[in-house]
Amino acid sequence: METLKTRNDRERAARFTALYVREHPRVCAYVHRRSGDRGAAEELAAEVFRTAWERMTAGHDVGTGWLFVTARNLLSNHHRSVARLTQAHRAVAEELGRTPASVQDEAVLDALDRLPSRHREVLLLSYWDGLGAAEAGEVLGCRASAVWVRLHRARKAFRDVYQLPQERVPCV
């Protein structure tokens, strides 16, 4: 005979599994873009979901925004520990984690680098991480309406600093 505890455990496991299947690729991509290291991204994403499981077993709800806030906090810890490495170790890790980018990709990355962090973060959360306004608001600590305003301002700031790469015209 199935007990109430067993049924609750199964329901919790099913909810966690659905959350994991739906959100793991997004959380892993979020962490990878900010760490530049696929291995570290997978480890940090695993830690996010381990923490989510513990929170769910304690009876708390876990949503997409909570996952991204936790990932951001773990990334901060990760960046602090990486900063403690020697300069040589950091240089090697950065070189191994980079992928070649096109000229247009470089122009976009350069423009993002020139933006203030408040603009860059809202653009990355919205476009690269695919978060909605409510989810991004949870990560940024503001309401969805404020995210829309920030996104509007960030788009304008991006347009102001983005310079399309010049097409090379072959000499005749």
N, C-alpha and C. Protein backbone atom coordinates (compact mmCIF):
# COMPACT_ATOMS: atom_id res chain seq x y z
N MET A 1 0.83 -1.17 0.00
CA MET A 1 0.00 0.00 0.00
C MET A 1 0.88 1.25 0.00
N GLU A 2 0.53 2.17 -0.87
CA GLU A 2 1.31 3.39 -1.02
C GLU A 2 0.94 4.37 0.10
N THR A 3 1.96 4.90 0.75
CA THR A 3 1.72 5.86 1.82
C THR A 3 1.70 7.27 1.25
N LEU A 4 1.22 8.20 2.04
CA LEU A 4 1.18 9.60 1.63
C LEU A 4 2.58 10.13 1.38
N LYS A 5 3.53 9.75 2.23
CA LYS A 5 4.91 10.19 2.07
C LYS A 5 5.50 9.70 0.75
N THR A 6 5.25 8.46 0.41
CA THR A 6 5.76 7.90 -0.83
C THR A 6 5.17 8.63 -2.03
N ARG A 7 3.88 8.92 -1.99
CA ARG A 7 3.23 9.62 -3.09
C ARG A 7 3.80 11.04 -3.22
N ASN A 8 3.98 11.71 -2.10
CA ASN A 8 4.56 13.06 -2.14
C ASN A 8 5.98 13.04 -2.69
N ASP A 9 6.75 12.01 -2.30
CA ASP A 9 8.11 11.87 -2.80
C ASP A 9 8.11 11.69 -4.32
N ARG A 10 7.19 10.87 -4.80
CA ARG A 10 7.11 10.64 -6.25
C ARG A 10 6.70 11.90 -6.99
N GLU A 11 5.73 12.63 -6.43
CA GLU A 11 5.29 13.87 -7.06
C GLU A 11 6.42 14.90 -7.08
N ARG A 12 7.15 14.99 -5.98
CA ARG A 12 8.28 15.92 -5.89
C ARG A 12 9.34 15.53 -6.92
N ALA A 13 9.63 14.25 -7.02
CA ALA A 13 10.63 13.78 -7.98
C ALA A 13 10.18 14.07 -9.41
N ALA A 14 8.90 13.90 -9.68
CA ALA A 14 8.37 14.18 -11.02
C ALA A 14 8.47 15.67 -11.34
N ARG A 15 8.14 16.52 -10.36
CA ARG A 15 8.25 17.97 -10.57
C ARG A 15 9.70 18.38 -10.80
N PHE A 16 10.60 17.80 -10.02
CA PHE A 16 12.02 18.12 -10.17
C PHE A 16 12.52 17.66 -11.54
N THR A 17 12.15 16.45 -11.94
CA THR A 17 12.58 15.93 -13.23
C THR A 17 12.09 16.82 -14.37
N ALA A 18 10.83 17.25 -14.29
CA ALA A 18 10.29 18.14 -15.33
C ALA A 18 11.05 19.47 -15.35
N LEU A 19 11.34 20.01 -14.17
CA LEU A 19 12.10 21.26 -14.08
C LEU A 19 13.49 21.07 -14.67
N TYR A 20 14.13 19.98 -14.32
CA TYR A 20 15.48 19.69 -14.81
C TYR A 20 15.51 19.57 -16.33
N VAL A 21 14.60 18.79 -16.87
CA VAL A 21 14.57 18.57 -18.32
C VAL A 21 14.31 19.89 -19.05
N ARG A 22 13.41 20.71 -18.50
CA ARG A 22 13.04 21.96 -19.15
C ARG A 22 14.12 23.03 -19.01
N GLU A 23 14.76 23.14 -17.85
CA GLU A 23 15.61 24.28 -17.58
C GLU A 23 17.12 24.00 -17.60
N HIS A 24 17.53 22.75 -17.51
CA HIS A 24 18.97 22.46 -17.45
C HIS A 24 19.74 23.02 -18.65
N PRO A 25 19.26 22.84 -19.88
CA PRO A 25 20.03 23.40 -21.01
C PRO A 25 20.18 24.92 -20.93
N ARG A 26 19.14 25.62 -20.48
CA ARG A 26 19.21 27.07 -20.38
C ARG A 26 20.17 27.51 -19.27
N VAL A 27 20.11 26.85 -18.12
CA VAL A 27 20.99 27.20 -17.01
C VAL A 27 22.44 26.91 -17.39
N CYS A 28 22.67 25.76 -18.02
CA CYS A 28 24.03 25.39 -18.43
C CYS A 28 24.57 26.40 -19.45
N ALA A 29 23.75 26.81 -20.41
CA ALA A 29 24.18 27.80 -21.41
C ALA A 29 24.46 29.15 -20.75
N TYR A 30 23.62 29.54 -19.80
CA TYR A 30 23.82 30.80 -19.06
C TYR A 30 25.18 30.79 -18.37
N VAL A 31 25.48 29.71 -17.68
CA VAL A 31 26.74 29.62 -16.94
C VAL A 31 27.91 29.53 -17.92
N HIS A 32 27.76 28.79 -19.00
CA HIS A 32 28.85 28.64 -19.97
C HIS A 32 29.22 29.97 -20.60
N ARG A 33 28.21 30.75 -20.98
CA ARG A 33 28.50 32.05 -21.60
C ARG A 33 29.24 32.98 -20.64
N ARG A 34 28.98 32.84 -19.38
CA ARG A 34 29.61 33.73 -18.41
C ARG A 34 30.91 33.19 -17.85
N SER A 35 31.14 31.90 -17.99
CA SER A 35 32.39 31.33 -17.47
C SER A 35 33.38 31.04 -18.58
N GLY A 36 32.88 30.75 -19.79
CA GLY A 36 33.76 30.44 -20.91
C GLY A 36 34.36 29.05 -20.84
N ASP A 37 33.89 28.24 -19.92
CA ASP A 37 34.45 26.91 -19.70
C ASP A 37 33.31 25.90 -19.60
N ARG A 38 33.20 25.02 -20.59
CA ARG A 38 32.10 24.05 -20.64
C ARG A 38 32.11 23.14 -19.41
N GLY A 39 33.27 22.66 -19.00
CA GLY A 39 33.35 21.78 -17.83
C GLY A 39 32.88 22.47 -16.56
N ALA A 40 33.35 23.70 -16.35
CA ALA A 40 32.92 24.46 -15.18
C ALA A 40 31.42 24.74 -15.25
N ALA A 41 30.92 25.01 -16.44
CA ALA A 41 29.49 25.29 -16.61
C ALA A 41 28.66 24.07 -16.21
N GLU A 42 29.09 22.90 -16.63
CA GLU A 42 28.34 21.69 -16.29
C GLU A 42 28.39 21.42 -14.79
N GLU A 43 29.55 21.65 -14.17
CA GLU A 43 29.66 21.46 -12.72
C GLU A 43 28.79 22.46 -11.96
N LEU A 44 28.82 23.71 -12.39
CA LEU A 44 28.03 24.73 -11.71
C LEU A 44 26.53 24.49 -11.91
N ALA A 45 26.14 24.08 -13.11
CA ALA A 45 24.73 23.77 -13.35
C ALA A 45 24.29 22.59 -12.49
N ALA A 46 25.15 21.59 -12.34
CA ALA A 46 24.83 20.45 -11.48
C ALA A 46 24.64 20.91 -10.04
N GLU A 47 25.47 21.84 -9.61
CA GLU A 47 25.35 22.38 -8.25
C GLU A 47 24.05 23.16 -8.08
N VAL A 48 23.65 23.90 -9.11
CA VAL A 48 22.38 24.63 -9.08
C VAL A 48 21.23 23.65 -8.86
N PHE A 49 21.23 22.55 -9.61
CA PHE A 49 20.12 21.60 -9.51
C PHE A 49 20.21 20.75 -8.24
N ARG A 50 21.40 20.54 -7.71
CA ARG A 50 21.51 19.85 -6.43
C ARG A 50 20.88 20.71 -5.34
N THR A 51 21.18 21.99 -5.38
CA THR A 51 20.60 22.92 -4.43
C THR A 51 19.09 23.02 -4.60
N ALA A 52 18.64 23.00 -5.85
CA ALA A 52 17.19 23.04 -6.12
C ALA A 52 16.51 21.81 -5.54
N TRP A 53 17.13 20.65 -5.69
CA TRP A 53 16.54 19.42 -5.14
C TRP A 53 16.43 19.52 -3.61
N GLU A 54 17.47 20.00 -2.97
CA GLU A 54 17.44 20.16 -1.52
C GLU A 54 16.33 21.12 -1.10
N ARG A 55 16.20 22.19 -1.85
CA ARG A 55 15.15 23.18 -1.54
C ARG A 55 13.76 22.57 -1.73
N MET A 56 13.60 21.79 -2.79
CA MET A 56 12.30 21.17 -3.04
C MET A 56 11.97 20.12 -1.97
N THR A 57 12.96 19.36 -1.54
CA THR A 57 12.70 18.35 -0.50
C THR A 57 12.38 19.02 0.84
N ALA A 58 12.80 20.28 1.02
CA ALA A 58 12.46 21.02 2.23
C ALA A 58 11.08 21.66 2.12
N GLY A 59 10.42 21.47 0.97
CA GLY A 59 9.06 21.96 0.79
C GLY A 59 8.94 23.33 0.15
N HIS A 60 10.02 23.86 -0.38
CA HIS A 60 9.99 25.18 -1.02
C HIS A 60 9.81 25.03 -2.52
N ASP A 61 9.19 26.04 -3.12
CA ASP A 61 9.04 26.06 -4.57
C ASP A 61 10.33 26.56 -5.22
N VAL A 62 10.60 26.03 -6.40
CA VAL A 62 11.76 26.44 -7.18
C VAL A 62 11.28 26.74 -8.59
N GLY A 63 11.57 27.95 -9.06
CA GLY A 63 11.19 28.35 -10.41
C GLY A 63 12.41 28.71 -11.23
N THR A 64 12.16 29.09 -12.44
CA THR A 64 13.24 29.45 -13.37
C THR A 64 14.07 30.60 -12.84
N GLY A 65 13.41 31.63 -12.35
CA GLY A 65 14.14 32.78 -11.81
C GLY A 65 15.06 32.39 -10.67
N TRP A 66 14.55 31.54 -9.77
CA TRP A 66 15.37 31.08 -8.65
C TRP A 66 16.60 30.34 -9.15
N LEU A 67 16.44 29.50 -10.18
CA LEU A 67 17.57 28.76 -10.73
C LEU A 67 18.64 29.72 -11.27
N PHE A 68 18.21 30.77 -11.98
CA PHE A 68 19.17 31.70 -12.55
C PHE A 68 19.84 32.56 -11.49
N VAL A 69 19.12 32.94 -10.45
CA VAL A 69 19.73 33.69 -9.34
C VAL A 69 20.78 32.81 -8.67
N THR A 70 20.45 31.56 -8.43
CA THR A 70 21.40 30.63 -7.81
C THR A 70 22.62 30.44 -8.71
N ALA A 71 22.39 30.31 -10.01
CA ALA A 71 23.50 30.16 -10.95
C ALA A 71 24.39 31.40 -10.92
N ARG A 72 23.78 32.58 -10.87
CA ARG A 72 24.57 33.81 -10.82
C ARG A 72 25.41 33.86 -9.55
N ASN A 73 24.82 33.46 -8.42
CA ASN A 73 25.57 33.46 -7.16
C ASN A 73 26.73 32.46 -7.20
N LEU A 74 26.47 31.28 -7.75
CA LEU A 74 27.53 30.28 -7.86
C LEU A 74 28.63 30.76 -8.82
N LEU A 75 28.22 31.46 -9.88
CA LEU A 75 29.20 32.03 -10.81
C LEU A 75 30.08 33.06 -10.11
N SER A 76 29.48 33.86 -9.26
CA SER A 76 30.28 34.85 -8.51
C SER A 76 31.33 34.15 -7.67
N ASN A 77 30.93 33.09 -6.98
CA ASN A 77 31.89 32.31 -6.19
C ASN A 77 32.96 31.71 -7.09
N HIS A 78 32.54 31.21 -8.23
CA HIS A 78 33.48 30.60 -9.18
C HIS A 78 34.50 31.64 -9.66
N HIS A 79 34.00 32.82 -10.03
CA HIS A 79 34.90 33.87 -10.52
C HIS A 79 35.89 34.30 -9.44
N ARG A 80 35.45 34.36 -8.21
CA ARG A 80 36.37 34.72 -7.12
C ARG A 80 37.46 33.66 -6.98
N SER A 81 37.09 32.39 -7.10
CA SER A 81 38.10 31.34 -6.96
C SER A 81 39.06 31.33 -8.15
N VAL A 82 38.53 31.61 -9.35
CA VAL A 82 39.39 31.67 -10.53
C VAL A 82 40.37 32.84 -10.41
N ALA A 83 39.88 33.95 -9.83
CA ALA A 83 40.74 35.13 -9.67
C ALA A 83 41.94 34.83 -8.77
N ARG A 84 41.82 33.82 -7.93
CA ARG A 84 42.93 33.46 -7.05
C ARG A 84 44.01 32.66 -7.76
N LEU A 85 43.71 32.18 -8.95
CA LEU A 85 44.72 31.43 -9.71
C LEU A 85 45.82 32.36 -10.18
N THR A 86 46.94 31.80 -10.51
CA THR A 86 48.04 32.61 -11.04
C THR A 86 47.68 33.12 -12.43
N GLN A 87 48.34 34.16 -12.86
CA GLN A 87 48.07 34.74 -14.18
C GLN A 87 48.30 33.72 -15.30
N ALA A 88 49.31 32.90 -15.17
CA ALA A 88 49.58 31.89 -16.20
C ALA A 88 48.44 30.88 -16.31
N HIS A 89 47.92 30.42 -15.17
CA HIS A 89 46.81 29.47 -15.21
C HIS A 89 45.58 30.09 -15.86
N ARG A 90 45.31 31.35 -15.53
CA ARG A 90 44.14 32.02 -16.12
C ARG A 90 44.31 32.17 -17.62
N ALA A 91 45.50 32.52 -18.07
CA ALA A 91 45.72 32.70 -19.51
C ALA A 91 45.50 31.40 -20.27
N VAL A 92 45.98 30.29 -19.74
CA VAL A 92 45.79 29.00 -20.38
C VAL A 92 44.31 28.63 -20.40
N ALA A 93 43.62 28.81 -19.29
CA ALA A 93 42.19 28.47 -19.21
C ALA A 93 41.37 29.29 -20.19
N GLU A 94 41.69 30.57 -20.31
CA GLU A 94 40.94 31.42 -21.24
C GLU A 94 41.17 30.99 -22.68
N GLU A 95 42.40 30.67 -23.02
CA GLU A 95 42.70 30.27 -24.39
C GLU A 95 42.02 28.96 -24.75
N LEU A 96 41.98 28.03 -23.83
CA LEU A 96 41.34 26.74 -24.11
C LEU A 96 39.83 26.87 -24.21
N GLY A 97 39.23 27.83 -23.53
CA GLY A 97 37.79 27.98 -23.51
C GLY A 97 37.22 28.80 -24.65
N ARG A 98 38.08 29.44 -25.42
CA ARG A 98 37.60 30.31 -26.49
C ARG A 98 37.28 29.53 -27.75
N THR A 99 36.26 30.00 -28.43
CA THR A 99 35.94 29.46 -29.74
C THR A 99 36.14 30.58 -30.76
N PRO A 100 36.57 30.24 -31.97
CA PRO A 100 36.76 31.28 -32.97
C PRO A 100 35.44 31.98 -33.28
N ALA A 101 35.50 33.28 -33.45
CA ALA A 101 34.29 34.05 -33.73
C ALA A 101 34.45 34.74 -35.09
N SER A 102 33.31 34.97 -35.73
CA SER A 102 33.33 35.68 -37.00
C SER A 102 33.56 37.17 -36.73
N VAL A 103 33.78 37.93 -37.78
CA VAL A 103 33.99 39.36 -37.65
C VAL A 103 32.75 40.02 -37.05
N GLN A 104 31.58 39.57 -37.49
CA GLN A 104 30.33 40.13 -36.96
C GLN A 104 30.17 39.76 -35.48
N ASP A 105 30.50 38.52 -35.13
CA ASP A 105 30.44 38.10 -33.72
C ASP A 105 31.36 38.97 -32.88
N GLU A 106 32.56 39.21 -33.39
CA GLU A 106 33.52 40.05 -32.67
C GLU A 106 32.96 41.46 -32.46
N ALA A 107 32.29 42.00 -33.48
CA ALA A 107 31.72 43.35 -33.37
C ALA A 107 30.62 43.38 -32.31
N VAL A 108 29.80 42.34 -32.27
CA VAL A 108 28.74 42.27 -31.26
C VAL A 108 29.35 42.15 -29.87
N LEU A 109 30.35 41.27 -29.71
CA LEU A 109 31.00 41.10 -28.41
C LEU A 109 31.70 42.38 -27.97
N ASP A 110 32.33 43.07 -28.90
CA ASP A 110 32.98 44.34 -28.57
C ASP A 110 31.95 45.36 -28.11
N ALA A 111 30.82 45.42 -28.81
CA ALA A 111 29.76 46.36 -28.42
C ALA A 111 29.22 46.01 -27.03
N LEU A 112 29.02 44.72 -26.76
CA LEU A 112 28.55 44.31 -25.44
C LEU A 112 29.57 44.68 -24.36
N ASP A 113 30.85 44.53 -24.67
CA ASP A 113 31.89 44.88 -23.70
C ASP A 113 31.89 46.37 -23.37
N ARG A 114 31.51 47.19 -24.34
CA ARG A 114 31.52 48.64 -24.12
C ARG A 114 30.29 49.14 -23.40
N LEU A 115 29.27 48.29 -23.28
CA LEU A 115 28.04 48.70 -22.58
C LEU A 115 28.25 48.67 -21.07
N PRO A 116 27.52 49.53 -20.35
CA PRO A 116 27.53 49.41 -18.89
C PRO A 116 26.93 48.05 -18.50
N SER A 117 27.36 47.52 -17.37
CA SER A 117 26.94 46.18 -16.97
C SER A 117 25.43 46.05 -16.86
N ARG A 118 24.72 47.10 -16.44
CA ARG A 118 23.25 47.01 -16.31
C ARG A 118 22.59 46.75 -17.66
N HIS A 119 23.13 47.36 -18.73
CA HIS A 119 22.58 47.14 -20.07
C HIS A 119 22.97 45.76 -20.59
N ARG A 120 24.23 45.42 -20.41
CA ARG A 120 24.73 44.13 -20.90
C ARG A 120 23.95 42.97 -20.26
N GLU A 121 23.73 43.04 -18.96
CA GLU A 121 23.08 41.93 -18.26
C GLU A 121 21.65 41.71 -18.74
N VAL A 122 20.88 42.78 -18.91
CA VAL A 122 19.49 42.62 -19.33
C VAL A 122 19.42 42.09 -20.77
N LEU A 123 20.36 42.52 -21.63
CA LEU A 123 20.39 41.99 -23.00
C LEU A 123 20.74 40.50 -23.00
N LEU A 124 21.74 40.12 -22.23
CA LEU A 124 22.15 38.71 -22.18
C LEU A 124 21.04 37.83 -21.61
N LEU A 125 20.40 38.28 -20.54
CA LEU A 125 19.32 37.49 -19.95
C LEU A 125 18.16 37.32 -20.93
N SER A 126 17.84 38.38 -21.65
CA SER A 126 16.69 38.33 -22.55
C SER A 126 16.96 37.58 -23.85
N TYR A 127 18.08 37.89 -24.49
CA TYR A 127 18.33 37.33 -25.80
C TYR A 127 19.14 36.04 -25.77
N TRP A 128 20.19 35.97 -25.01
CA TRP A 128 21.03 34.78 -25.02
C TRP A 128 20.49 33.69 -24.11
N ASP A 129 19.91 34.10 -22.97
CA ASP A 129 19.40 33.11 -22.03
C ASP A 129 17.92 32.83 -22.23
N GLY A 130 17.25 33.63 -23.02
CA GLY A 130 15.86 33.39 -23.35
C GLY A 130 14.89 33.55 -22.19
N LEU A 131 15.24 34.37 -21.22
CA LEU A 131 14.35 34.58 -20.09
C LEU A 131 13.28 35.59 -20.45
N GLY A 132 12.09 35.37 -19.94
CA GLY A 132 11.02 36.34 -20.09
C GLY A 132 11.23 37.49 -19.12
N ALA A 133 10.39 38.51 -19.21
CA ALA A 133 10.55 39.69 -18.37
C ALA A 133 10.41 39.35 -16.89
N ALA A 134 9.46 38.51 -16.54
CA ALA A 134 9.27 38.16 -15.13
C ALA A 134 10.47 37.38 -14.59
N GLU A 135 10.99 36.45 -15.39
CA GLU A 135 12.15 35.65 -14.96
C GLU A 135 13.40 36.53 -14.86
N ALA A 136 13.61 37.38 -15.86
CA ALA A 136 14.76 38.29 -15.82
C ALA A 136 14.63 39.24 -14.64
N GLY A 137 13.41 39.68 -14.36
CA GLY A 137 13.19 40.55 -13.21
C GLY A 137 13.56 39.88 -11.91
N GLU A 138 13.28 38.59 -11.81
CA GLU A 138 13.66 37.84 -10.61
C GLU A 138 15.17 37.82 -10.46
N VAL A 139 15.88 37.60 -11.57
CA VAL A 139 17.34 37.58 -11.53
C VAL A 139 17.90 38.96 -11.19
N LEU A 140 17.32 40.00 -11.77
CA LEU A 140 17.82 41.36 -11.59
C LEU A 140 17.30 42.03 -10.33
N GLY A 141 16.31 41.42 -9.71
CA GLY A 141 15.75 41.99 -8.49
C GLY A 141 14.81 43.16 -8.74
N CYS A 142 14.03 43.08 -9.83
CA CYS A 142 13.08 44.14 -10.13
C CYS A 142 11.83 43.52 -10.75
N ARG A 143 10.85 44.34 -11.02
CA ARG A 143 9.59 43.87 -11.61
C ARG A 143 9.73 43.72 -13.12
N ALA A 144 8.79 42.97 -13.70
CA ALA A 144 8.81 42.74 -15.15
C ALA A 144 8.71 44.05 -15.91
N SER A 145 7.89 44.99 -15.43
CA SER A 145 7.76 46.27 -16.13
C SER A 145 9.10 47.02 -16.16
N ALA A 146 9.87 46.92 -15.08
CA ALA A 146 11.19 47.56 -15.06
C ALA A 146 12.14 46.89 -16.03
N VAL A 147 11.99 45.57 -16.21
CA VAL A 147 12.83 44.86 -17.17
C VAL A 147 12.57 45.38 -18.57
N TRP A 148 11.30 45.61 -18.92
CA TRP A 148 10.98 46.13 -20.25
C TRP A 148 11.61 47.50 -20.47
N VAL A 149 11.59 48.36 -19.44
CA VAL A 149 12.21 49.68 -19.55
C VAL A 149 13.72 49.52 -19.71
N ARG A 150 14.32 48.67 -18.88
CA ARG A 150 15.77 48.45 -18.96
C ARG A 150 16.16 47.89 -20.32
N LEU A 151 15.33 46.97 -20.83
CA LEU A 151 15.62 46.36 -22.13
C LEU A 151 15.55 47.40 -23.24
N HIS A 152 14.56 48.28 -23.18
CA HIS A 152 14.44 49.35 -24.17
C HIS A 152 15.69 50.23 -24.15
N ARG A 153 16.12 50.64 -22.97
CA ARG A 153 17.31 51.48 -22.83
C ARG A 153 18.57 50.76 -23.27
N ALA A 154 18.65 49.46 -22.96
CA ALA A 154 19.84 48.68 -23.33
C ALA A 154 19.92 48.51 -24.84
N ARG A 155 18.78 48.31 -25.50
CA ARG A 155 18.79 48.19 -26.96
C ARG A 155 19.30 49.48 -27.60
N LYS A 156 18.82 50.61 -27.08
CA LYS A 156 19.26 51.90 -27.61
C LYS A 156 20.76 52.08 -27.38
N ALA A 157 21.23 51.76 -26.20
CA ALA A 157 22.65 51.88 -25.90
C ALA A 157 23.48 50.97 -26.80
N PHE A 158 22.96 49.77 -27.06
CA PHE A 158 23.68 48.84 -27.94
C PHE A 158 23.76 49.41 -29.35
N ARG A 159 22.64 49.93 -29.87
CA ARG A 159 22.65 50.52 -31.21
C ARG A 159 23.66 51.67 -31.30
N ASP A 160 23.79 52.44 -30.23
CA ASP A 160 24.71 53.57 -30.22
C ASP A 160 26.17 53.14 -30.29
N VAL A 161 26.52 51.99 -29.69
CA VAL A 161 27.94 51.57 -29.67
C VAL A 161 28.29 50.53 -30.73
N TYR A 162 27.28 49.88 -31.31
CA TYR A 162 27.55 48.81 -32.28
C TYR A 162 27.96 49.41 -33.61
N GLN A 163 29.07 48.90 -34.13
CA GLN A 163 29.54 49.32 -35.44
C GLN A 163 29.66 48.08 -36.30
N LEU A 164 28.91 48.09 -37.40
CA LEU A 164 28.98 46.96 -38.32
C LEU A 164 30.39 46.85 -38.88
N PRO A 165 30.90 45.63 -38.99
CA PRO A 165 32.22 45.47 -39.60
C PRO A 165 32.20 45.94 -41.04
N GLN A 166 33.25 46.59 -41.46
CA GLN A 166 33.35 47.09 -42.83
C GLN A 166 33.58 45.91 -43.78
N GLU A 167 32.82 45.90 -44.84
CA GLU A 167 33.00 44.87 -45.86
C GLU A 167 34.31 45.13 -46.58
N ARG A 168 35.07 44.11 -46.80
CA ARG A 168 36.30 44.25 -47.56
C ARG A 168 35.97 44.18 -49.05
N VAL A 169 36.36 45.20 -49.75
CA VAL A 169 36.13 45.23 -51.19
C VAL A 169 37.43 44.79 -51.85
N PRO A 170 37.39 43.72 -52.66
CA PRO A 170 38.62 43.26 -53.29
C PRO A 170 39.15 44.29 -54.29
N CYS A 171 40.45 44.41 -54.32
CA CYS A 171 41.08 45.33 -55.29
C CYS A 171 40.95 44.75 -56.69
N VAL A 172 40.68 45.60 -57.63
CA VAL A 172 40.53 45.13 -59.00
C VAL A 172 41.76 45.46 -59.80
